[in-house]
Amino acid sequence: MVYVLIAIVAFALELFWFIQLIDLMSRPDNHFIGKYDKLCWVAILLAANWIGALAYISLKPFKAASISESSEMDSIKPREFTKMPNAPKKCPNCGETFFYNAQSCLSCGWAYDEPGNAE
């Protein structure tokens, strides 16, 4: 009885693997982001069997159909590090680096003078 159950589970896992392999091979190369992504995923599916198929279906390594050939991707520009809100800043008094949420410099004690807190 146990052997029959193991055989059924093994068959279901192999069927799942085969369906994911067919899905991968039926997609055109331009559905993938990188030049060699399809080849890499074939190697992963062949080497890792059903674990690779599980990774393939959960990671979805291909482009979404709605943005694959649109101009939306051209208008998106990466943010520069210096424009990020948590970029480190330099103390104007001693030049030591501290982060945006620090209220004062740990080296020299210099603190921000906020205009709303004047007493």
N, C-alpha and C. Protein backbone atom coordinates (compact mmCIF):
# COMPACT_ATOMS: atom_id res chain seq x y z
N MET A 1 0.82 -1.19 0.00
CA MET A 1 0.00 0.00 0.00
C MET A 1 0.86 1.26 0.00
N VAL A 2 1.93 1.25 0.81
CA VAL A 2 2.81 2.41 0.89
C VAL A 2 3.51 2.62 -0.44
N TYR A 3 3.89 1.53 -1.10
CA TYR A 3 4.59 1.65 -2.38
C TYR A 3 3.68 2.24 -3.46
N VAL A 4 2.43 1.92 -3.40
CA VAL A 4 1.48 2.48 -4.37
C VAL A 4 1.33 3.98 -4.14
N LEU A 5 1.25 4.40 -2.90
CA LEU A 5 1.15 5.82 -2.57
C LEU A 5 2.41 6.57 -3.01
N ILE A 6 3.57 5.99 -2.79
CA ILE A 6 4.83 6.60 -3.22
C ILE A 6 4.87 6.70 -4.74
N ALA A 7 4.40 5.68 -5.43
CA ALA A 7 4.38 5.70 -6.89
C ALA A 7 3.44 6.77 -7.42
N ILE A 8 2.30 6.96 -6.78
CA ILE A 8 1.33 7.98 -7.21
C ILE A 8 1.92 9.38 -7.00
N VAL A 9 2.55 9.60 -5.86
CA VAL A 9 3.17 10.91 -5.59
C VAL A 9 4.31 11.18 -6.56
N ALA A 10 5.13 10.17 -6.82
CA ALA A 10 6.24 10.34 -7.77
C ALA A 10 5.72 10.63 -9.17
N PHE A 11 4.66 9.96 -9.58
CA PHE A 11 4.08 10.21 -10.89
C PHE A 11 3.50 11.63 -10.98
N ALA A 12 2.85 12.08 -9.91
CA ALA A 12 2.29 13.44 -9.90
C ALA A 12 3.40 14.48 -9.97
N LEU A 13 4.50 14.26 -9.26
CA LEU A 13 5.62 15.20 -9.32
C LEU A 13 6.27 15.23 -10.70
N GLU A 14 6.41 14.09 -11.32
CA GLU A 14 6.98 14.04 -12.67
C GLU A 14 6.05 14.68 -13.70
N LEU A 15 4.76 14.50 -13.53
CA LEU A 15 3.79 15.14 -14.42
C LEU A 15 3.86 16.66 -14.26
N PHE A 16 3.95 17.14 -13.02
CA PHE A 16 4.10 18.56 -12.75
C PHE A 16 5.37 19.10 -13.42
N TRP A 17 6.48 18.37 -13.29
CA TRP A 17 7.74 18.77 -13.92
C TRP A 17 7.59 18.84 -15.44
N PHE A 18 6.96 17.85 -16.02
CA PHE A 18 6.80 17.80 -17.47
C PHE A 18 5.93 18.95 -17.98
N ILE A 19 4.88 19.29 -17.26
CA ILE A 19 4.00 20.41 -17.65
C ILE A 19 4.78 21.72 -17.60
N GLN A 20 5.61 21.91 -16.58
CA GLN A 20 6.41 23.14 -16.48
C GLN A 20 7.47 23.19 -17.58
N LEU A 21 8.03 22.05 -17.94
CA LEU A 21 9.00 22.01 -19.04
C LEU A 21 8.33 22.37 -20.36
N ILE A 22 7.14 21.87 -20.60
CA ILE A 22 6.39 22.21 -21.82
C ILE A 22 6.05 23.71 -21.82
N ASP A 23 5.65 24.25 -20.66
CA ASP A 23 5.35 25.67 -20.56
C ASP A 23 6.59 26.51 -20.88
N LEU A 24 7.73 26.12 -20.34
CA LEU A 24 8.98 26.83 -20.59
C LEU A 24 9.36 26.79 -22.07
N MET A 25 9.27 25.63 -22.67
CA MET A 25 9.69 25.49 -24.07
C MET A 25 8.71 26.15 -25.03
N SER A 26 7.46 26.34 -24.63
CA SER A 26 6.48 26.96 -25.53
C SER A 26 6.57 28.49 -25.51
N ARG A 27 7.27 29.06 -24.56
CA ARG A 27 7.41 30.52 -24.50
C ARG A 27 8.50 30.98 -25.47
N PRO A 28 8.25 32.07 -26.23
CA PRO A 28 9.30 32.60 -27.10
C PRO A 28 10.44 33.22 -26.28
N ASP A 29 11.60 33.33 -26.89
CA ASP A 29 12.77 33.86 -26.20
C ASP A 29 12.58 35.29 -25.71
N ASN A 30 11.79 36.08 -26.43
CA ASN A 30 11.63 37.48 -26.03
C ASN A 30 10.72 37.66 -24.81
N HIS A 31 10.14 36.59 -24.29
CA HIS A 31 9.36 36.68 -23.06
C HIS A 31 10.25 36.72 -21.83
N PHE A 32 11.51 36.38 -21.99
CA PHE A 32 12.44 36.34 -20.87
C PHE A 32 13.27 37.62 -20.84
N ILE A 33 13.68 38.03 -19.66
CA ILE A 33 14.38 39.29 -19.49
C ILE A 33 15.80 39.23 -20.05
N GLY A 34 16.54 38.21 -19.72
CA GLY A 34 17.93 38.09 -20.16
C GLY A 34 18.06 37.28 -21.44
N LYS A 35 19.24 37.37 -22.04
CA LYS A 35 19.49 36.68 -23.31
C LYS A 35 19.51 35.16 -23.13
N TYR A 36 20.09 34.68 -22.04
CA TYR A 36 20.23 33.25 -21.83
C TYR A 36 19.33 32.71 -20.73
N ASP A 37 18.30 33.45 -20.36
CA ASP A 37 17.42 33.00 -19.27
C ASP A 37 16.70 31.70 -19.59
N LYS A 38 16.22 31.56 -20.80
CA LYS A 38 15.48 30.33 -21.15
C LYS A 38 16.40 29.12 -21.07
N LEU A 39 17.62 29.25 -21.57
CA LEU A 39 18.58 28.15 -21.52
C LEU A 39 18.92 27.79 -20.07
N CYS A 40 19.09 28.81 -19.23
CA CYS A 40 19.38 28.56 -17.81
C CYS A 40 18.23 27.83 -17.13
N TRP A 41 16.99 28.23 -17.44
CA TRP A 41 15.84 27.58 -16.81
C TRP A 41 15.68 26.14 -17.31
N VAL A 42 16.02 25.88 -18.56
CA VAL A 42 15.98 24.49 -19.05
C VAL A 42 17.00 23.66 -18.27
N ALA A 43 18.19 24.20 -18.06
CA ALA A 43 19.21 23.48 -17.30
C ALA A 43 18.75 23.24 -15.86
N ILE A 44 18.11 24.25 -15.25
CA ILE A 44 17.62 24.09 -13.89
C ILE A 44 16.53 23.03 -13.82
N LEU A 45 15.61 23.06 -14.79
CA LEU A 45 14.54 22.05 -14.79
C LEU A 45 15.08 20.64 -15.00
N LEU A 46 16.07 20.51 -15.87
CA LEU A 46 16.62 19.18 -16.11
C LEU A 46 17.46 18.69 -14.93
N ALA A 47 18.17 19.58 -14.28
CA ALA A 47 19.05 19.17 -13.18
C ALA A 47 18.28 18.97 -11.87
N ALA A 48 17.34 19.86 -11.58
CA ALA A 48 16.68 19.81 -10.28
C ALA A 48 15.32 19.14 -10.31
N ASN A 49 14.88 18.71 -11.47
CA ASN A 49 13.63 17.98 -11.64
C ASN A 49 12.45 18.75 -11.06
N TRP A 50 11.65 18.15 -10.19
CA TRP A 50 10.42 18.82 -9.75
C TRP A 50 10.71 20.00 -8.82
N ILE A 51 11.86 20.03 -8.15
CA ILE A 51 12.22 21.19 -7.34
C ILE A 51 12.49 22.39 -8.25
N GLY A 52 13.16 22.15 -9.38
CA GLY A 52 13.38 23.21 -10.36
C GLY A 52 12.07 23.69 -10.97
N ALA A 53 11.12 22.77 -11.17
CA ALA A 53 9.81 23.14 -11.70
C ALA A 53 9.05 23.99 -10.70
N LEU A 54 9.19 23.68 -9.43
CA LEU A 54 8.56 24.48 -8.39
C LEU A 54 9.17 25.88 -8.33
N ALA A 55 10.48 25.97 -8.49
CA ALA A 55 11.15 27.27 -8.52
C ALA A 55 10.71 28.06 -9.75
N TYR A 56 10.58 27.39 -10.89
CA TYR A 56 10.17 28.05 -12.13
C TYR A 56 8.77 28.64 -12.00
N ILE A 57 7.85 27.88 -11.44
CA ILE A 57 6.47 28.37 -11.36
C ILE A 57 6.32 29.44 -10.27
N SER A 58 7.12 29.37 -9.22
CA SER A 58 6.98 30.37 -8.15
C SER A 58 7.72 31.66 -8.46
N LEU A 59 8.84 31.61 -9.17
CA LEU A 59 9.61 32.82 -9.47
C LEU A 59 9.12 33.55 -10.71
N LYS A 60 8.45 32.88 -11.62
CA LYS A 60 7.95 33.45 -12.87
C LYS A 60 9.01 34.32 -13.53
N PRO A 61 10.03 33.71 -14.13
CA PRO A 61 11.17 34.46 -14.65
C PRO A 61 10.92 35.19 -15.96
N PHE A 62 9.71 35.22 -16.44
CA PHE A 62 9.41 35.85 -17.71
C PHE A 62 8.71 37.17 -17.49
N LYS A 63 8.72 38.03 -18.52
CA LYS A 63 8.08 39.34 -18.43
C LYS A 63 6.57 39.20 -18.39
N ALA A 64 5.92 40.14 -17.73
CA ALA A 64 4.46 40.17 -17.75
C ALA A 64 3.99 40.59 -19.13
N ALA A 65 2.91 40.05 -19.60
CA ALA A 65 2.44 40.32 -20.96
C ALA A 65 2.03 41.77 -21.15
N SER A 66 1.56 42.42 -20.09
CA SER A 66 1.06 43.79 -20.24
C SER A 66 2.17 44.81 -20.42
N ILE A 67 3.37 44.53 -19.93
CA ILE A 67 4.44 45.50 -20.07
C ILE A 67 5.60 45.02 -20.93
N SER A 68 5.46 43.86 -21.56
CA SER A 68 6.60 43.29 -22.27
C SER A 68 7.08 44.15 -23.43
N GLU A 69 6.19 44.74 -24.17
CA GLU A 69 6.60 45.52 -25.33
C GLU A 69 6.10 46.95 -25.26
N SER A 70 5.75 47.45 -24.08
CA SER A 70 5.18 48.78 -23.98
C SER A 70 6.26 49.82 -23.74
N SER A 71 5.86 51.09 -23.86
CA SER A 71 6.80 52.17 -23.63
C SER A 71 6.85 52.57 -22.17
N GLU A 72 6.07 51.90 -21.30
CA GLU A 72 6.10 52.21 -19.88
C GLU A 72 7.47 51.94 -19.29
N MET A 73 8.13 50.91 -19.76
CA MET A 73 9.44 50.56 -19.23
C MET A 73 10.49 51.59 -19.62
N ASP A 74 10.31 52.28 -20.75
CA ASP A 74 11.27 53.28 -21.17
C ASP A 74 11.20 54.52 -20.29
N SER A 75 10.03 54.83 -19.73
CA SER A 75 9.88 56.03 -18.94
C SER A 75 10.34 55.85 -17.49
N ILE A 76 10.56 54.62 -17.06
CA ILE A 76 10.99 54.36 -15.69
C ILE A 76 12.50 54.53 -15.62
N LYS A 77 12.94 55.39 -14.72
CA LYS A 77 14.36 55.63 -14.55
C LYS A 77 14.75 55.23 -13.12
N PRO A 78 15.91 54.63 -12.95
CA PRO A 78 16.33 54.27 -11.59
C PRO A 78 16.67 55.50 -10.78
N ARG A 79 16.38 55.42 -9.47
CA ARG A 79 16.71 56.53 -8.61
C ARG A 79 18.20 56.54 -8.32
N GLU A 80 18.75 57.72 -8.17
CA GLU A 80 20.15 57.84 -7.81
C GLU A 80 20.29 57.68 -6.30
N PHE A 81 21.44 57.22 -5.85
CA PHE A 81 21.66 56.97 -4.44
C PHE A 81 21.55 58.25 -3.63
N THR A 82 22.02 59.34 -4.17
CA THR A 82 22.02 60.59 -3.40
C THR A 82 20.62 61.15 -3.22
N LYS A 83 19.66 60.74 -4.02
CA LYS A 83 18.30 61.24 -3.91
C LYS A 83 17.44 60.38 -2.99
N MET A 84 17.98 59.31 -2.50
CA MET A 84 17.23 58.43 -1.61
C MET A 84 17.10 59.10 -0.25
N PRO A 85 15.96 58.95 0.42
CA PRO A 85 15.76 59.65 1.69
C PRO A 85 16.66 59.15 2.82
N ASN A 86 17.14 57.92 2.74
CA ASN A 86 17.97 57.41 3.82
C ASN A 86 19.45 57.44 3.48
N ALA A 87 19.84 58.29 2.51
CA ALA A 87 21.24 58.41 2.15
C ALA A 87 22.01 59.08 3.29
N PRO A 88 23.24 58.64 3.55
CA PRO A 88 24.00 59.26 4.63
C PRO A 88 24.34 60.71 4.31
N LYS A 89 24.40 61.53 5.36
CA LYS A 89 24.74 62.95 5.21
C LYS A 89 25.98 63.25 6.03
N LYS A 90 26.61 64.38 5.72
CA LYS A 90 27.82 64.78 6.45
C LYS A 90 27.48 65.91 7.41
N CYS A 91 28.10 65.86 8.56
CA CYS A 91 27.93 66.91 9.56
C CYS A 91 28.61 68.18 9.04
N PRO A 92 27.92 69.32 9.05
CA PRO A 92 28.54 70.55 8.58
C PRO A 92 29.63 71.07 9.53
N ASN A 93 29.64 70.59 10.75
CA ASN A 93 30.61 71.07 11.73
C ASN A 93 31.92 70.29 11.66
N CYS A 94 31.84 68.94 11.72
CA CYS A 94 33.07 68.13 11.76
C CYS A 94 33.27 67.25 10.53
N GLY A 95 32.25 67.09 9.68
CA GLY A 95 32.38 66.29 8.47
C GLY A 95 32.13 64.80 8.67
N GLU A 96 31.74 64.37 9.86
CA GLU A 96 31.45 62.97 10.15
C GLU A 96 30.13 62.57 9.46
N THR A 97 30.02 61.32 9.04
CA THR A 97 28.84 60.84 8.33
C THR A 97 27.79 60.35 9.33
N PHE A 98 26.53 60.72 9.09
CA PHE A 98 25.42 60.19 9.88
C PHE A 98 24.20 60.08 8.98
N PHE A 99 23.21 59.33 9.42
CA PHE A 99 22.05 59.06 8.59
C PHE A 99 20.97 60.11 8.80
N TYR A 100 20.01 60.13 7.87
CA TYR A 100 19.00 61.18 7.80
C TYR A 100 18.16 61.31 9.07
N ASN A 101 17.95 60.21 9.78
CA ASN A 101 17.06 60.27 10.94
C ASN A 101 17.78 60.64 12.23
N ALA A 102 19.10 60.86 12.18
CA ALA A 102 19.83 61.27 13.37
C ALA A 102 19.55 62.75 13.64
N GLN A 103 19.29 63.08 14.87
CA GLN A 103 18.98 64.46 15.24
C GLN A 103 20.24 65.26 15.53
N SER A 104 21.34 64.57 15.84
CA SER A 104 22.58 65.27 16.12
C SER A 104 23.76 64.40 15.73
N CYS A 105 24.91 65.03 15.58
CA CYS A 105 26.14 64.32 15.23
C CYS A 105 26.68 63.65 16.50
N LEU A 106 27.06 62.38 16.37
CA LEU A 106 27.58 61.64 17.52
C LEU A 106 29.01 62.04 17.86
N SER A 107 29.74 62.61 16.90
CA SER A 107 31.13 62.98 17.15
C SER A 107 31.26 64.30 17.87
N CYS A 108 30.61 65.35 17.35
CA CYS A 108 30.81 66.68 17.91
C CYS A 108 29.59 67.23 18.64
N GLY A 109 28.44 66.58 18.50
CA GLY A 109 27.24 67.04 19.19
C GLY A 109 26.42 68.08 18.44
N TRP A 110 26.83 68.42 17.23
CA TRP A 110 26.09 69.40 16.43
C TRP A 110 24.67 68.89 16.22
N ALA A 111 23.65 69.78 16.34
CA ALA A 111 22.25 69.38 16.19
C ALA A 111 21.57 70.30 15.19
N TYR A 112 20.53 69.75 14.58
CA TYR A 112 19.72 70.56 13.67
C TYR A 112 18.95 71.61 14.46
N ASP A 113 18.87 72.81 13.92
CA ASP A 113 18.01 73.85 14.47
C ASP A 113 16.77 73.90 13.61
N GLU A 114 15.69 73.31 14.09
CA GLU A 114 14.46 73.30 13.32
C GLU A 114 13.70 74.62 13.53
N PRO A 115 13.21 75.23 12.44
CA PRO A 115 12.56 76.53 12.55
C PRO A 115 11.30 76.51 13.41
N GLY A 116 10.60 75.41 13.52
CA GLY A 116 9.36 75.36 14.27
C GLY A 116 9.58 75.19 15.76
N ASN A 117 10.80 74.84 16.19
CA ASN A 117 11.05 74.58 17.60
C ASN A 117 11.77 75.70 18.32
N ALA A 118 11.80 76.90 17.78
CA ALA A 118 12.48 78.01 18.45
C ALA A 118 11.67 78.46 19.65
N GLU A 119 12.34 78.56 20.81
CA GLU A 119 11.63 78.95 22.03
C GLU A 119 12.02 80.33 22.47
